Amino acid sequence: MEDDERTPRRDATDRPTRSRDTRDTGRTRRRFIWLTGTAAMAGLAGCSGGGGGATETTTATATTTQSSGSTGGVPEAYATATSLDGTQRNPDSLSSQEAVSYQDEPKDGKQCSTCRYYIEDKNGDGVGACAIVAGEVAPEGYCVSYVEYEG
């Protein structure tokens, strides 16, 4: 009997075998998936940091290094003041406002004046400070370190 193009080829177990095109498609698909995964991993590895001589990045837990005697960007009255819950401010161990995504407007009803780390206005200028964030802080401001004061 002659091989007919419409008759499927059979192996020793009398099962139809895959055509060459199907095998190539499977290999091509596997190669595509492998290359896609490799490219994704390479892209993620490039985004993982390591500096590479570029500028320093900050995170939500990053802290600024203050020189000895610095007040952390606030008037002297706030330098080592205590917050609403009694946390004492340490000018040498403060997160930068950029690191905590500080903004001057409240978010979802949360604002600095109701946060446990807020230090109320001490000199009548309408702004306070924070026990864990450097710089002056508006009472209606907000950052990701917000914890509601329950006192």
N, C-alpha and C. Protein backbone atom coordinates (compact mmCIF):
# COMPACT_ATOMS: atom_id res chain seq x y z
N MET A 1 0.83 -1.16 0.00
CA MET A 1 0.00 0.00 0.00
C MET A 1 0.89 1.24 0.00
N GLU A 2 0.51 2.18 -0.79
CA GLU A 2 1.29 3.37 -0.97
C GLU A 2 0.88 4.43 0.06
N ASP A 3 1.85 5.26 0.48
CA ASP A 3 1.56 6.34 1.44
C ASP A 3 0.67 7.38 0.80
N ASP A 4 -0.45 7.60 1.41
CA ASP A 4 -1.38 8.61 0.94
C ASP A 4 -1.24 9.81 1.88
N GLU A 5 -1.27 11.01 1.36
CA GLU A 5 -1.13 12.19 2.19
C GLU A 5 -2.26 12.31 3.20
N ARG A 6 -3.41 11.75 2.90
CA ARG A 6 -4.54 11.84 3.80
C ARG A 6 -4.50 10.77 4.88
N THR A 7 -3.74 9.75 4.72
CA THR A 7 -3.64 8.67 5.70
C THR A 7 -2.59 9.06 6.73
N PRO A 8 -2.97 9.10 8.02
CA PRO A 8 -1.98 9.48 9.03
C PRO A 8 -0.90 8.42 9.15
N ARG A 9 0.32 8.87 9.41
CA ARG A 9 1.40 7.93 9.63
C ARG A 9 1.21 7.27 10.97
N ARG A 10 1.65 6.03 11.09
CA ARG A 10 1.48 5.29 12.34
C ARG A 10 2.82 4.77 12.79
N ASP A 11 3.00 4.72 14.13
CA ASP A 11 4.24 4.16 14.65
C ASP A 11 4.04 2.68 14.97
N ALA A 12 4.99 2.08 15.68
CA ALA A 12 4.96 0.63 15.96
C ALA A 12 3.76 0.24 16.81
N THR A 13 3.18 1.14 17.58
CA THR A 13 2.03 0.81 18.42
C THR A 13 0.72 1.07 17.70
N ASP A 14 0.81 1.36 16.44
CA ASP A 14 -0.34 1.62 15.59
C ASP A 14 -1.10 2.90 15.99
N ARG A 15 -0.36 3.81 16.65
CA ARG A 15 -0.95 5.12 16.95
C ARG A 15 -0.50 6.11 15.90
N PRO A 16 -1.35 7.05 15.59
CA PRO A 16 -0.92 8.06 14.61
C PRO A 16 0.24 8.87 15.19
N THR A 17 1.22 9.16 14.39
CA THR A 17 2.36 9.98 14.83
C THR A 17 2.09 11.43 14.48
N ARG A 18 2.78 12.30 15.19
CA ARG A 18 2.64 13.72 14.89
C ARG A 18 3.38 14.03 13.60
N SER A 19 2.84 14.94 12.91
CA SER A 19 3.53 15.36 11.69
C SER A 19 4.71 16.24 12.09
N ARG A 20 5.61 16.45 11.21
CA ARG A 20 6.80 17.27 11.46
C ARG A 20 6.38 18.69 11.84
N ASP A 21 5.34 19.22 11.22
CA ASP A 21 4.89 20.57 11.51
C ASP A 21 4.45 20.71 12.95
N THR A 22 3.75 19.73 13.51
CA THR A 22 3.28 19.80 14.88
C THR A 22 4.45 19.79 15.85
N ARG A 23 5.45 18.95 15.60
CA ARG A 23 6.62 18.90 16.47
C ARG A 23 7.34 20.23 16.44
N ASP A 24 7.50 20.81 15.28
CA ASP A 24 8.18 22.09 15.16
C ASP A 24 7.41 23.19 15.88
N THR A 25 6.08 23.16 15.79
CA THR A 25 5.26 24.15 16.47
C THR A 25 5.45 24.04 17.97
N GLY A 26 5.49 22.81 18.49
CA GLY A 26 5.71 22.61 19.93
C GLY A 26 7.06 23.15 20.36
N ARG A 27 8.09 22.90 19.57
CA ARG A 27 9.42 23.41 19.89
C ARG A 27 9.46 24.92 19.79
N THR A 28 8.82 25.46 18.79
CA THR A 28 8.79 26.90 18.62
C THR A 28 8.05 27.56 19.78
N ARG A 29 6.96 26.97 20.19
CA ARG A 29 6.19 27.50 21.31
C ARG A 29 7.03 27.46 22.59
N ARG A 30 7.69 26.34 22.83
CA ARG A 30 8.55 26.22 24.01
C ARG A 30 9.67 27.24 23.98
N ARG A 31 10.26 27.40 22.83
CA ARG A 31 11.35 28.38 22.71
C ARG A 31 10.83 29.79 22.95
N PHE A 32 9.66 30.10 22.41
CA PHE A 32 9.06 31.42 22.62
C PHE A 32 8.82 31.66 24.11
N ILE A 33 8.24 30.68 24.79
CA ILE A 33 7.97 30.83 26.23
C ILE A 33 9.27 30.98 27.00
N TRP A 34 10.28 30.20 26.64
CA TRP A 34 11.57 30.29 27.31
C TRP A 34 12.19 31.67 27.10
N LEU A 35 12.18 32.16 25.86
CA LEU A 35 12.74 33.47 25.57
C LEU A 35 11.98 34.58 26.27
N THR A 36 10.66 34.47 26.31
CA THR A 36 9.84 35.47 26.99
C THR A 36 10.17 35.50 28.48
N GLY A 37 10.26 34.33 29.09
CA GLY A 37 10.60 34.26 30.51
C GLY A 37 11.99 34.80 30.79
N THR A 38 12.94 34.47 29.93
CA THR A 38 14.31 34.97 30.09
C THR A 38 14.35 36.49 29.98
N ALA A 39 13.65 37.03 29.00
CA ALA A 39 13.61 38.48 28.81
C ALA A 39 12.97 39.17 30.01
N ALA A 40 11.90 38.57 30.54
CA ALA A 40 11.23 39.15 31.71
C ALA A 40 12.16 39.15 32.91
N MET A 41 12.87 38.05 33.11
CA MET A 41 13.80 37.97 34.25
C MET A 41 14.94 38.98 34.09
N ALA A 42 15.44 39.14 32.88
CA ALA A 42 16.51 40.10 32.63
C ALA A 42 16.00 41.52 32.90
N GLY A 43 14.77 41.80 32.49
CA GLY A 43 14.19 43.11 32.75
C GLY A 43 14.02 43.38 34.23
N LEU A 44 13.55 42.38 34.97
CA LEU A 44 13.38 42.54 36.41
C LEU A 44 14.72 42.68 37.11
N ALA A 45 15.72 41.95 36.66
CA ALA A 45 17.05 42.05 37.26
C ALA A 45 17.61 43.45 37.05
N GLY A 46 17.33 44.05 35.92
CA GLY A 46 17.79 45.40 35.66
C GLY A 46 17.10 46.43 36.52
N CYS A 47 15.90 46.14 36.97
CA CYS A 47 15.13 47.07 37.80
C CYS A 47 15.38 46.86 39.29
N SER A 48 16.11 45.83 39.65
CA SER A 48 16.24 45.50 41.06
C SER A 48 17.21 46.39 41.81
N GLY A 49 17.87 47.28 41.13
CA GLY A 49 18.73 48.23 41.83
C GLY A 49 20.18 47.85 41.69
N GLY A 50 20.90 47.95 42.81
CA GLY A 50 22.31 47.69 42.77
C GLY A 50 23.11 48.96 42.56
N GLY A 51 22.43 50.09 42.38
CA GLY A 51 23.13 51.35 42.25
C GLY A 51 23.67 51.57 40.86
N GLY A 52 24.69 50.81 40.50
CA GLY A 52 25.29 50.98 39.19
C GLY A 52 25.88 52.36 38.98
N GLY A 53 26.25 53.04 40.07
CA GLY A 53 26.82 54.37 39.96
C GLY A 53 25.77 55.45 39.79
N ALA A 54 24.51 55.09 39.76
CA ALA A 54 23.44 56.07 39.59
C ALA A 54 23.15 56.75 40.92
N THR A 55 22.20 57.65 40.91
CA THR A 55 21.86 58.36 42.13
C THR A 55 21.24 57.40 43.14
N GLU A 56 21.35 57.75 44.40
CA GLU A 56 20.84 56.90 45.47
C GLU A 56 19.32 56.92 45.47
N THR A 57 18.71 55.77 45.64
CA THR A 57 17.25 55.69 45.71
C THR A 57 16.82 55.66 47.16
N THR A 58 15.56 56.05 47.40
CA THR A 58 15.04 56.03 48.76
C THR A 58 13.85 55.10 48.83
N THR A 59 13.58 54.59 50.01
CA THR A 59 12.41 53.74 50.24
C THR A 59 11.63 54.31 51.40
N ALA A 60 10.48 53.71 51.67
CA ALA A 60 9.64 54.20 52.76
C ALA A 60 10.32 54.07 54.11
N THR A 61 11.33 53.23 54.22
CA THR A 61 12.02 53.07 55.50
C THR A 61 13.37 53.76 55.50
N ALA A 62 13.69 54.47 54.43
CA ALA A 62 14.98 55.15 54.36
C ALA A 62 15.03 56.27 55.39
N THR A 63 16.20 56.52 55.92
CA THR A 63 16.37 57.59 56.88
C THR A 63 17.41 58.56 56.36
N THR A 64 17.31 59.79 56.78
CA THR A 64 18.31 60.77 56.41
C THR A 64 19.39 60.77 57.47
N THR A 65 20.58 61.10 57.06
CA THR A 65 21.67 61.18 58.01
C THR A 65 21.88 62.65 58.32
N GLN A 66 21.65 63.04 59.53
CA GLN A 66 21.79 64.41 59.95
C GLN A 66 23.14 64.60 60.62
N SER A 67 23.75 65.75 60.41
CA SER A 67 25.02 66.02 61.07
C SER A 67 24.77 66.27 62.55
N SER A 68 25.79 66.11 63.34
CA SER A 68 25.67 66.28 64.78
C SER A 68 25.20 67.70 65.09
N GLY A 69 24.22 67.84 65.95
CA GLY A 69 23.70 69.14 66.34
C GLY A 69 22.59 69.64 65.43
N SER A 70 22.25 68.93 64.39
CA SER A 70 21.19 69.34 63.48
C SER A 70 19.83 69.13 64.15
N THR A 71 18.86 69.94 63.75
CA THR A 71 17.51 69.81 64.31
C THR A 71 16.58 69.07 63.37
N GLY A 72 17.07 68.56 62.27
CA GLY A 72 16.23 67.82 61.33
C GLY A 72 15.32 68.72 60.53
N GLY A 73 15.75 69.95 60.24
CA GLY A 73 14.98 70.85 59.40
C GLY A 73 13.81 71.52 60.09
N VAL A 74 13.84 71.61 61.41
CA VAL A 74 12.76 72.26 62.16
C VAL A 74 13.37 73.24 63.16
N PRO A 75 12.56 74.21 63.65
CA PRO A 75 13.06 75.10 64.69
C PRO A 75 13.50 74.32 65.94
N GLU A 76 14.37 74.92 66.73
CA GLU A 76 14.94 74.26 67.91
C GLU A 76 13.86 73.73 68.87
N ALA A 77 12.72 74.40 68.94
CA ALA A 77 11.65 73.97 69.86
C ALA A 77 11.14 72.57 69.53
N TYR A 78 11.32 72.13 68.29
CA TYR A 78 10.83 70.81 67.88
C TYR A 78 11.92 69.74 67.87
N ALA A 79 13.18 70.13 67.99
CA ALA A 79 14.31 69.22 67.78
C ALA A 79 14.17 67.89 68.50
N THR A 80 13.84 67.92 69.78
CA THR A 80 13.68 66.68 70.55
C THR A 80 12.34 66.67 71.28
N ALA A 81 11.35 67.32 70.70
CA ALA A 81 10.02 67.37 71.31
C ALA A 81 9.36 66.00 71.27
N THR A 82 8.28 65.86 72.03
CA THR A 82 7.55 64.58 72.04
C THR A 82 6.25 64.71 71.25
N SER A 83 5.86 63.63 70.63
CA SER A 83 4.65 63.61 69.80
C SER A 83 3.41 63.42 70.67
N LEU A 84 2.25 63.34 70.02
CA LEU A 84 0.98 63.17 70.73
C LEU A 84 0.98 61.94 71.63
N ASP A 85 1.62 60.86 71.19
CA ASP A 85 1.62 59.63 72.01
C ASP A 85 2.85 59.51 72.90
N GLY A 86 3.70 60.54 72.94
CA GLY A 86 4.86 60.53 73.82
C GLY A 86 6.15 60.07 73.17
N THR A 87 6.15 59.80 71.87
CA THR A 87 7.38 59.41 71.18
C THR A 87 8.29 60.62 71.07
N GLN A 88 9.54 60.47 71.54
CA GLN A 88 10.48 61.59 71.48
C GLN A 88 11.15 61.63 70.11
N ARG A 89 11.27 62.82 69.57
CA ARG A 89 11.89 63.03 68.26
C ARG A 89 13.40 62.94 68.38
N ASN A 90 14.02 62.15 67.49
CA ASN A 90 15.47 62.01 67.45
C ASN A 90 15.95 62.55 66.11
N PRO A 91 16.57 63.74 66.08
CA PRO A 91 16.98 64.35 64.82
C PRO A 91 17.97 63.51 64.01
N ASP A 92 18.66 62.57 64.65
CA ASP A 92 19.64 61.75 63.95
C ASP A 92 19.02 60.51 63.30
N SER A 93 17.72 60.29 63.51
CA SER A 93 17.08 59.08 62.98
C SER A 93 15.70 59.40 62.42
N LEU A 94 15.69 60.19 61.34
CA LEU A 94 14.42 60.62 60.75
C LEU A 94 14.34 60.20 59.29
N SER A 95 13.16 59.84 58.85
CA SER A 95 12.92 59.55 57.43
C SER A 95 12.74 60.86 56.69
N SER A 96 13.14 60.91 55.44
CA SER A 96 12.93 62.12 54.65
C SER A 96 11.46 62.18 54.24
N GLN A 97 10.99 63.38 53.94
CA GLN A 97 9.60 63.54 53.50
C GLN A 97 9.35 62.82 52.18
N GLU A 98 10.34 62.76 51.32
CA GLU A 98 10.20 62.04 50.06
C GLU A 98 10.05 60.55 50.30
N ALA A 99 10.80 60.02 51.28
CA ALA A 99 10.77 58.58 51.55
C ALA A 99 9.41 58.11 52.06
N VAL A 100 8.68 58.99 52.74
CA VAL A 100 7.38 58.60 53.29
C VAL A 100 6.22 59.17 52.47
N SER A 101 6.52 59.69 51.29
CA SER A 101 5.51 60.24 50.37
C SER A 101 4.65 61.31 51.05
N TYR A 102 5.31 62.23 51.74
CA TYR A 102 4.59 63.30 52.44
C TYR A 102 3.88 64.21 51.44
N GLN A 103 2.65 64.60 51.77
CA GLN A 103 1.89 65.56 50.98
C GLN A 103 1.19 66.53 51.92
N ASP A 104 0.90 67.74 51.44
CA ASP A 104 0.31 68.78 52.28
C ASP A 104 -1.20 68.66 52.45
N GLU A 105 -1.83 67.71 51.77
CA GLU A 105 -3.28 67.52 51.88
C GLU A 105 -3.59 66.20 52.56
N PRO A 106 -4.73 66.14 53.27
CA PRO A 106 -5.13 64.87 53.90
C PRO A 106 -5.50 63.83 52.85
N LYS A 107 -5.47 62.57 53.24
CA LYS A 107 -5.85 61.47 52.33
C LYS A 107 -6.84 60.58 53.06
N ASP A 108 -8.02 60.42 52.47
CA ASP A 108 -9.08 59.56 53.03
C ASP A 108 -9.39 59.92 54.49
N GLY A 109 -9.40 61.21 54.79
CA GLY A 109 -9.72 61.65 56.14
C GLY A 109 -8.57 61.51 57.13
N LYS A 110 -7.42 61.05 56.68
CA LYS A 110 -6.26 60.90 57.55
C LYS A 110 -5.36 62.11 57.37
N GLN A 111 -4.95 62.72 58.47
CA GLN A 111 -4.06 63.86 58.40
C GLN A 111 -3.13 63.88 59.60
N CYS A 112 -2.03 64.57 59.45
CA CYS A 112 -0.97 64.56 60.47
C CYS A 112 -1.46 64.94 61.86
N SER A 113 -2.38 65.88 61.96
CA SER A 113 -2.83 66.33 63.28
C SER A 113 -3.55 65.23 64.07
N THR A 114 -3.93 64.14 63.42
CA THR A 114 -4.56 63.02 64.13
C THR A 114 -3.65 61.79 64.18
N CYS A 115 -2.37 61.99 63.86
CA CYS A 115 -1.39 60.89 63.85
C CYS A 115 -0.66 60.85 65.19
N ARG A 116 -0.32 59.66 65.62
CA ARG A 116 0.37 59.48 66.90
C ARG A 116 1.75 60.12 66.93
N TYR A 117 2.39 60.32 65.77
CA TYR A 117 3.74 60.88 65.70
C TYR A 117 3.77 62.40 65.53
N TYR A 118 2.61 63.04 65.43
CA TYR A 118 2.55 64.48 65.19
C TYR A 118 2.96 65.26 66.43
N ILE A 119 3.78 66.29 66.21
CA ILE A 119 4.18 67.22 67.27
C ILE A 119 3.48 68.54 66.97
N GLU A 120 2.63 68.97 67.87
CA GLU A 120 1.80 70.15 67.65
C GLU A 120 2.64 71.42 67.55
N ASP A 121 2.03 72.46 66.95
CA ASP A 121 2.66 73.77 66.78
C ASP A 121 3.14 74.30 68.13
N LYS A 122 4.40 74.72 68.20
CA LYS A 122 4.97 75.22 69.45
C LYS A 122 5.36 76.69 69.37
N ASN A 123 5.36 77.27 68.17
CA ASN A 123 5.81 78.66 68.05
C ASN A 123 4.79 79.57 67.35
N GLY A 124 3.57 79.11 67.16
CA GLY A 124 2.50 79.93 66.62
C GLY A 124 2.53 80.14 65.11
N ASP A 125 3.34 79.40 64.38
CA ASP A 125 3.39 79.58 62.93
C ASP A 125 2.41 78.69 62.17
N GLY A 126 1.65 77.86 62.87
CA GLY A 126 0.63 77.04 62.24
C GLY A 126 1.10 75.69 61.72
N VAL A 127 2.39 75.40 61.82
CA VAL A 127 2.89 74.09 61.40
C VAL A 127 3.56 73.41 62.58
N GLY A 128 3.58 72.10 62.51
CA GLY A 128 4.21 71.32 63.56
C GLY A 128 5.39 70.54 63.02
N ALA A 129 5.64 69.40 63.63
CA ALA A 129 6.73 68.52 63.21
C ALA A 129 6.27 67.09 63.40
N CYS A 130 7.16 66.17 63.14
CA CYS A 130 6.86 64.75 63.28
C CYS A 130 8.00 64.08 64.03
N ALA A 131 7.68 63.09 64.84
CA ALA A 131 8.69 62.38 65.61
C ALA A 131 9.53 61.46 64.74
N ILE A 132 9.06 61.12 63.52
CA ILE A 132 9.81 60.18 62.69
C ILE A 132 10.14 60.70 61.29
N VAL A 133 9.67 61.92 60.94
CA VAL A 133 9.91 62.48 59.61
C VAL A 133 10.61 63.83 59.75
N ALA A 134 11.61 64.08 58.93
CA ALA A 134 12.35 65.33 58.96
C ALA A 134 11.53 66.48 58.40
N GLY A 135 11.83 67.69 58.85
CA GLY A 135 11.21 68.89 58.32
C GLY A 135 9.91 69.25 59.02
N GLU A 136 9.42 70.45 58.66
CA GLU A 136 8.16 70.91 59.22
C GLU A 136 7.00 70.15 58.58
N VAL A 137 5.92 69.97 59.35
CA VAL A 137 4.79 69.17 58.91
C VAL A 137 3.50 69.97 59.11
N ALA A 138 2.71 70.09 58.05
CA ALA A 138 1.43 70.78 58.15
C ALA A 138 0.43 69.89 58.89
N PRO A 139 -0.42 70.48 59.75
CA PRO A 139 -1.39 69.67 60.48
C PRO A 139 -2.34 68.90 59.56
N GLU A 140 -2.61 69.45 58.36
CA GLU A 140 -3.50 68.75 57.44
C GLU A 140 -2.73 67.91 56.41
N GLY A 141 -1.44 67.70 56.62
CA GLY A 141 -0.62 66.88 55.74
C GLY A 141 -0.88 65.39 55.95
N TYR A 142 -0.21 64.56 55.15
CA TYR A 142 -0.36 63.11 55.25
C TYR A 142 0.90 62.44 54.72
N CYS A 143 1.24 61.26 55.27
CA CYS A 143 2.31 60.43 54.72
C CYS A 143 1.98 58.96 54.98
N VAL A 144 2.76 58.07 54.38
CA VAL A 144 2.49 56.63 54.50
C VAL A 144 2.79 56.08 55.89
N SER A 145 3.45 56.86 56.74
CA SER A 145 3.75 56.41 58.11
C SER A 145 2.62 56.73 59.08
N TYR A 146 1.50 57.24 58.57
CA TYR A 146 0.38 57.64 59.42
C TYR A 146 -0.13 56.48 60.27
N VAL A 147 -0.26 56.76 61.58
CA VAL A 147 -0.89 55.82 62.52
C VAL A 147 -1.83 56.66 63.38
N GLU A 148 -3.11 56.34 63.38
CA GLU A 148 -4.09 57.14 64.10
C GLU A 148 -3.77 57.19 65.59
N TYR A 149 -3.84 58.41 66.15
CA TYR A 149 -3.62 58.60 67.57
C TYR A 149 -4.90 58.27 68.32
N GLU A 150 -4.80 57.39 69.30
CA GLU A 150 -5.96 56.98 70.07
C GLU A 150 -5.80 57.42 71.52
N GLY A 151 -5.79 58.71 71.73
CA GLY A 151 -5.56 59.18 73.09
C GLY A 151 -6.48 60.25 73.54
